[in-house]
């Protein structure tokens, strides 16, 4: 489900953000050059498990028709790492798996979503779908001050999901389909679209239809998209898939929680 690209040139490190990825020029399977922001395991809090959550999040977002940059598995050879000019990033590569997670660089005309941006009516359906996605996968990382969302006019791109699917680490966690399951996101600044969606007229049917259409077979394909070389990620992936299946099977409860939060 994720195309493999091979790193061919180091452009620069990205010093903002928790994982501090690198901007790499890579060759895709068609032999074309693509610019990718690449996360490597040594830059992530939970190593390859964080990268596996990125893969699952990307697969799910694509099936939900959400606007993510095209994701890739990125092959980073030791020979490539040896010639990287930035000492810090080279060290990170040498301490990482040889497969990273890449996202296609968006055009320069995109800018980070800013606090105080309004959501025009035409963007409400997509913003609501993104909000539901983040609420279900327990993604705490699309908040004021760290939006992980780019915008150009009414065109959005969302990224960074390595902190999602961590429900097992939350004391007293409540599933998003149970009453109170979205209390964590119902606070000022917790999500970039929270205040802009409150009180708006939202058609919840497209959101329900997308989640309900996820088959068991398709969800299992998300596991197959995770590179085999990422050893030990099975529990993290299985927990993510269990949450996705649970939300699909209880999507009405999830939507009731969303209605409550956005009332």
Foldseek 3Di string as FASTA:
>chain_A
DAWEWEFDAWDAWQPDDQLGFTWTWTATPVRDTFTWGWGWQLSDPRGLLLQLQQLLLVLLCVLLVAAAARKHWYAADLVNLVPDPDPVVSVSCVVTDRIIMIGTDDDPLWDDDAQPDAQDPVLLANLLLVVLSCLLQVAQQCWHPRNQWIDHPSDIHHHDRSVTLVQVVDPPADHLLDVVNRVVCLDHGSHRCQVNQAPDDYDCVSSLVSLLPQDPVSLVVSVVSRDPVSPPNVVSSVSSSVSSVVCNVRVVSNVVNVNVSRD
